[in-house]
Amino acid sequence: PITIGGSTTFTVTVSNAGPGDAVNVVVSDLLSGKASWSIFSQTGTACGITGSAYAGQTLNCNIPSLAPGNYTIVLTAQTAYQAGAERCGTISNQAFITAAPN
């Protein structure tokens, strides 16, 4: 369980089965409105957040070229604090990955 105002970590692993590089890879991760992206780490990619905190945010990461193998993005979300609330319920998180056709 996550306490109100606490945080949790999501790990997204993107895989390229090869044999060549995947190009223009986009990772989009939608977080429910009960939390807000607070920290994310990535290497060799540009990430940005769209949407409003605690109202549904999407983290978008662009990977220009992904060699065969695995690539990991570590995401930390902070839960919303609601006065008088004892718990925040279920937090949902969905990631989608697209790439340009070869």
N, C-alpha and C. Protein backbone atom coordinates (compact mmCIF):
# COMPACT_ATOMS: atom_id res chain seq x y z
N PRO A 1 0.82 -1.20 0.00
CA PRO A 1 0.00 0.00 0.00
C PRO A 1 0.87 1.26 0.00
N ILE A 2 0.32 2.28 -0.59
CA ILE A 2 0.99 3.57 -0.63
C ILE A 2 0.22 4.52 0.27
N THR A 3 0.90 5.22 1.14
CA THR A 3 0.22 6.18 1.98
C THR A 3 -0.05 7.46 1.20
N ILE A 4 -1.02 8.23 1.64
CA ILE A 4 -1.33 9.50 0.99
C ILE A 4 -0.11 10.40 1.11
N GLY A 5 0.28 10.97 -0.01
CA GLY A 5 1.48 11.80 -0.05
C GLY A 5 2.75 10.98 -0.23
N GLY A 6 2.62 9.65 -0.24
CA GLY A 6 3.76 8.77 -0.44
C GLY A 6 4.09 8.61 -1.91
N SER A 7 5.04 7.76 -2.20
CA SER A 7 5.41 7.56 -3.59
C SER A 7 5.59 6.08 -3.90
N THR A 8 5.54 5.78 -5.17
CA THR A 8 5.76 4.42 -5.65
C THR A 8 6.57 4.51 -6.94
N THR A 9 7.21 3.44 -7.29
CA THR A 9 8.06 3.42 -8.48
C THR A 9 7.51 2.45 -9.51
N PHE A 10 7.47 2.91 -10.76
CA PHE A 10 7.10 2.06 -11.89
C PHE A 10 8.34 1.93 -12.77
N THR A 11 8.60 0.75 -13.28
CA THR A 11 9.70 0.54 -14.20
C THR A 11 9.13 0.10 -15.54
N VAL A 12 9.47 0.82 -16.59
CA VAL A 12 9.04 0.47 -17.94
C VAL A 12 10.26 -0.05 -18.69
N THR A 13 10.17 -1.26 -19.20
CA THR A 13 11.26 -1.83 -19.98
C THR A 13 10.81 -1.94 -21.43
N VAL A 14 11.56 -1.30 -22.31
CA VAL A 14 11.27 -1.32 -23.74
C VAL A 14 12.25 -2.31 -24.37
N SER A 15 11.76 -3.25 -25.16
CA SER A 15 12.62 -4.25 -25.78
C SER A 15 12.59 -4.12 -27.30
N ASN A 16 13.74 -4.29 -27.90
CA ASN A 16 13.86 -4.35 -29.36
C ASN A 16 14.43 -5.71 -29.69
N ALA A 17 13.64 -6.54 -30.37
CA ALA A 17 14.08 -7.90 -30.72
C ALA A 17 15.04 -7.91 -31.91
N GLY A 18 15.26 -6.74 -32.53
CA GLY A 18 16.23 -6.66 -33.62
C GLY A 18 15.71 -7.24 -34.92
N PRO A 19 16.56 -7.45 -35.88
CA PRO A 19 18.03 -7.39 -35.76
C PRO A 19 18.58 -5.96 -35.85
N GLY A 20 17.81 -5.00 -36.38
CA GLY A 20 18.32 -3.65 -36.52
C GLY A 20 17.79 -2.73 -35.44
N ASP A 21 18.23 -1.48 -35.49
CA ASP A 21 17.77 -0.47 -34.54
C ASP A 21 16.31 -0.12 -34.81
N ALA A 22 15.55 0.15 -33.77
CA ALA A 22 14.21 0.71 -33.88
C ALA A 22 14.38 2.23 -33.85
N VAL A 23 13.70 2.94 -34.73
CA VAL A 23 13.87 4.39 -34.80
C VAL A 23 12.58 5.11 -34.42
N ASN A 24 12.76 6.32 -33.90
CA ASN A 24 11.64 7.18 -33.49
C ASN A 24 10.69 6.45 -32.54
N VAL A 25 11.26 5.85 -31.50
CA VAL A 25 10.47 5.14 -30.50
C VAL A 25 9.87 6.16 -29.54
N VAL A 26 8.60 6.02 -29.25
CA VAL A 26 7.92 6.89 -28.30
C VAL A 26 7.30 6.03 -27.21
N VAL A 27 7.64 6.33 -25.96
CA VAL A 27 7.05 5.67 -24.80
C VAL A 27 6.13 6.67 -24.14
N SER A 28 4.84 6.34 -24.04
CA SER A 28 3.86 7.19 -23.38
C SER A 28 3.32 6.44 -22.18
N ASP A 29 3.38 7.07 -21.01
CA ASP A 29 2.94 6.42 -19.78
C ASP A 29 1.90 7.29 -19.11
N LEU A 30 0.65 6.80 -19.09
CA LEU A 30 -0.48 7.53 -18.52
C LEU A 30 -0.68 7.13 -17.07
N LEU A 31 -0.71 8.14 -16.21
CA LEU A 31 -0.89 7.93 -14.77
C LEU A 31 -2.26 8.44 -14.38
N SER A 32 -2.96 7.69 -13.52
CA SER A 32 -4.31 8.10 -13.12
C SER A 32 -4.27 9.43 -12.37
N GLY A 33 -5.44 10.02 -12.21
CA GLY A 33 -5.56 11.32 -11.58
C GLY A 33 -5.31 11.34 -10.09
N LYS A 34 -5.02 10.20 -9.49
CA LYS A 34 -4.78 10.18 -8.04
C LYS A 34 -3.31 10.32 -7.70
N ALA A 35 -2.49 10.56 -8.71
CA ALA A 35 -1.05 10.68 -8.46
C ALA A 35 -0.46 11.66 -9.47
N SER A 36 0.79 11.99 -9.23
CA SER A 36 1.48 12.93 -10.10
C SER A 36 2.90 12.43 -10.31
N TRP A 37 3.40 12.52 -11.55
CA TRP A 37 4.79 12.16 -11.79
C TRP A 37 5.66 13.13 -11.00
N SER A 38 6.59 12.62 -10.24
CA SER A 38 7.47 13.50 -9.48
C SER A 38 8.92 13.36 -9.92
N ILE A 39 9.35 12.17 -10.27
CA ILE A 39 10.73 11.93 -10.67
C ILE A 39 10.72 10.89 -11.77
N PHE A 40 11.56 11.07 -12.75
CA PHE A 40 11.76 10.00 -13.73
C PHE A 40 13.22 10.06 -14.16
N SER A 41 13.76 8.92 -14.51
CA SER A 41 15.15 8.89 -14.95
C SER A 41 15.22 8.17 -16.28
N GLN A 42 16.08 8.64 -17.13
CA GLN A 42 16.25 8.06 -18.45
C GLN A 42 17.63 8.42 -18.97
N THR A 43 18.11 7.67 -19.93
CA THR A 43 19.40 7.94 -20.54
C THR A 43 19.22 7.99 -22.04
N GLY A 44 19.75 9.01 -22.69
CA GLY A 44 19.72 9.08 -24.15
C GLY A 44 18.36 9.33 -24.74
N THR A 45 17.48 9.95 -23.99
CA THR A 45 16.14 10.23 -24.49
C THR A 45 15.63 11.53 -23.89
N ALA A 46 14.67 12.12 -24.55
CA ALA A 46 14.04 13.34 -24.05
C ALA A 46 12.65 12.99 -23.54
N CYS A 47 12.37 13.36 -22.29
CA CYS A 47 11.06 13.08 -21.70
C CYS A 47 10.40 14.38 -21.27
N GLY A 48 9.09 14.39 -21.33
CA GLY A 48 8.32 15.53 -20.87
C GLY A 48 6.98 15.07 -20.33
N ILE A 49 6.37 15.91 -19.51
CA ILE A 49 5.10 15.58 -18.88
C ILE A 49 4.02 16.51 -19.42
N THR A 50 2.88 15.92 -19.77
CA THR A 50 1.72 16.72 -20.19
C THR A 50 0.58 16.41 -19.23
N GLY A 51 -0.35 17.35 -19.11
CA GLY A 51 -1.49 17.17 -18.22
C GLY A 51 -1.26 17.87 -16.90
N SER A 52 -2.27 17.82 -16.05
CA SER A 52 -2.21 18.49 -14.75
C SER A 52 -1.97 17.48 -13.64
N ALA A 53 -1.17 17.91 -12.66
CA ALA A 53 -0.89 17.05 -11.51
C ALA A 53 -2.19 16.65 -10.83
N TYR A 54 -2.32 15.39 -10.48
CA TYR A 54 -3.46 14.81 -9.79
C TYR A 54 -4.76 14.90 -10.59
N ALA A 55 -4.63 15.16 -11.91
CA ALA A 55 -5.81 15.19 -12.77
C ALA A 55 -5.58 14.32 -14.00
N GLY A 56 -4.52 13.53 -13.99
CA GLY A 56 -4.17 12.68 -15.12
C GLY A 56 -3.00 13.27 -15.88
N GLN A 57 -1.84 12.66 -15.78
CA GLN A 57 -0.65 13.14 -16.46
C GLN A 57 -0.10 12.03 -17.35
N THR A 58 0.54 12.45 -18.45
CA THR A 58 1.20 11.50 -19.33
C THR A 58 2.67 11.88 -19.43
N LEU A 59 3.53 10.91 -19.22
CA LEU A 59 4.96 11.08 -19.42
C LEU A 59 5.27 10.55 -20.80
N ASN A 60 5.87 11.38 -21.66
CA ASN A 60 6.24 10.99 -23.01
C ASN A 60 7.75 11.02 -23.15
N CYS A 61 8.33 9.91 -23.59
CA CYS A 61 9.77 9.83 -23.81
C CYS A 61 10.04 9.46 -25.26
N ASN A 62 10.91 10.21 -25.90
CA ASN A 62 11.28 9.96 -27.29
C ASN A 62 12.68 9.36 -27.33
N ILE A 63 12.79 8.21 -27.96
CA ILE A 63 14.07 7.54 -28.11
C ILE A 63 14.38 7.52 -29.60
N PRO A 64 15.32 8.36 -30.06
CA PRO A 64 15.59 8.46 -31.50
C PRO A 64 16.00 7.14 -32.15
N SER A 65 16.82 6.36 -31.44
CA SER A 65 17.30 5.09 -31.99
C SER A 65 17.49 4.10 -30.84
N LEU A 66 16.87 2.94 -30.96
CA LEU A 66 16.95 1.93 -29.91
C LEU A 66 17.59 0.67 -30.49
N ALA A 67 18.80 0.39 -30.05
CA ALA A 67 19.51 -0.80 -30.51
C ALA A 67 18.81 -2.06 -29.99
N PRO A 68 19.06 -3.20 -30.60
CA PRO A 68 18.47 -4.44 -30.09
C PRO A 68 18.85 -4.66 -28.62
N GLY A 69 17.91 -5.13 -27.85
CA GLY A 69 18.11 -5.35 -26.43
C GLY A 69 17.04 -4.65 -25.63
N ASN A 70 17.29 -4.44 -24.35
CA ASN A 70 16.32 -3.81 -23.45
C ASN A 70 16.75 -2.41 -23.07
N TYR A 71 15.78 -1.55 -22.84
CA TYR A 71 15.99 -0.18 -22.41
C TYR A 71 15.03 0.05 -21.26
N THR A 72 15.50 0.59 -20.15
CA THR A 72 14.66 0.75 -18.97
C THR A 72 14.48 2.21 -18.62
N ILE A 73 13.25 2.60 -18.32
CA ILE A 73 12.92 3.92 -17.82
C ILE A 73 12.33 3.72 -16.43
N VAL A 74 12.89 4.37 -15.43
CA VAL A 74 12.41 4.25 -14.06
C VAL A 74 11.58 5.49 -13.73
N LEU A 75 10.36 5.28 -13.26
CA LEU A 75 9.43 6.35 -13.01
C LEU A 75 8.99 6.32 -11.55
N THR A 76 8.90 7.49 -10.92
CA THR A 76 8.39 7.58 -9.56
C THR A 76 7.17 8.49 -9.55
N ALA A 77 6.10 8.03 -8.97
CA ALA A 77 4.88 8.82 -8.88
C ALA A 77 4.58 9.11 -7.42
N GLN A 78 4.09 10.31 -7.16
CA GLN A 78 3.69 10.68 -5.80
C GLN A 78 2.17 10.74 -5.75
N THR A 79 1.60 10.17 -4.69
CA THR A 79 0.15 10.15 -4.57
C THR A 79 -0.37 11.51 -4.12
N ALA A 80 -1.60 11.77 -4.48
CA ALA A 80 -2.23 13.05 -4.12
C ALA A 80 -2.59 13.05 -2.64
N TYR A 81 -2.47 14.21 -2.04
CA TYR A 81 -2.92 14.37 -0.67
C TYR A 81 -4.30 15.01 -0.70
N GLN A 82 -5.24 14.38 -0.07
CA GLN A 82 -6.58 14.93 0.01
C GLN A 82 -6.93 15.07 1.48
N ALA A 83 -7.25 16.28 1.91
CA ALA A 83 -7.55 16.54 3.32
C ALA A 83 -8.64 15.60 3.82
N GLY A 84 -8.40 14.98 4.95
CA GLY A 84 -9.38 14.10 5.56
C GLY A 84 -9.40 12.69 4.99
N ALA A 85 -8.67 12.45 3.91
CA ALA A 85 -8.68 11.11 3.30
C ALA A 85 -7.76 10.18 4.06
N GLU A 86 -8.18 8.93 4.17
CA GLU A 86 -7.35 7.93 4.82
C GLU A 86 -6.58 7.10 3.82
N ARG A 87 -7.08 7.04 2.60
CA ARG A 87 -6.39 6.32 1.54
C ARG A 87 -6.80 6.91 0.20
N CYS A 88 -6.02 6.62 -0.82
CA CYS A 88 -6.30 7.24 -2.11
C CYS A 88 -6.92 6.27 -3.11
N GLY A 89 -7.11 5.02 -2.75
CA GLY A 89 -7.69 4.05 -3.66
C GLY A 89 -6.66 3.46 -4.60
N THR A 90 -7.09 3.04 -5.76
CA THR A 90 -6.22 2.38 -6.72
C THR A 90 -5.60 3.40 -7.67
N ILE A 91 -4.30 3.27 -7.90
CA ILE A 91 -3.60 4.09 -8.87
C ILE A 91 -3.36 3.22 -10.09
N SER A 92 -3.81 3.69 -11.25
CA SER A 92 -3.56 2.93 -12.46
C SER A 92 -2.45 3.57 -13.27
N ASN A 93 -1.73 2.75 -14.01
CA ASN A 93 -0.60 3.21 -14.80
C ASN A 93 -0.56 2.35 -16.06
N GLN A 94 -0.59 3.02 -17.23
CA GLN A 94 -0.54 2.31 -18.51
C GLN A 94 0.56 2.90 -19.37
N ALA A 95 1.38 2.04 -19.94
CA ALA A 95 2.44 2.49 -20.85
C ALA A 95 2.17 1.97 -22.25
N PHE A 96 2.43 2.83 -23.24
CA PHE A 96 2.25 2.46 -24.64
C PHE A 96 3.54 2.78 -25.38
N ILE A 97 3.91 1.94 -26.32
CA ILE A 97 5.17 2.13 -27.05
C ILE A 97 4.87 2.05 -28.54
N THR A 98 5.38 3.02 -29.29
CA THR A 98 5.26 3.01 -30.74
C THR A 98 6.63 3.26 -31.35
N ALA A 99 6.81 2.88 -32.60
CA ALA A 99 8.06 3.11 -33.33
C ALA A 99 7.73 3.27 -34.80
N ALA A 100 8.62 3.94 -35.51
CA ALA A 100 8.46 4.11 -36.96
C ALA A 100 8.66 2.76 -37.63
N PRO A 101 7.91 2.48 -38.70
CA PRO A 101 8.11 1.20 -39.41
C PRO A 101 9.47 1.18 -40.11
N ASN A 102 10.06 0.02 -40.16
CA ASN A 102 11.36 -0.14 -40.87
C ASN A 102 11.13 -0.47 -42.30
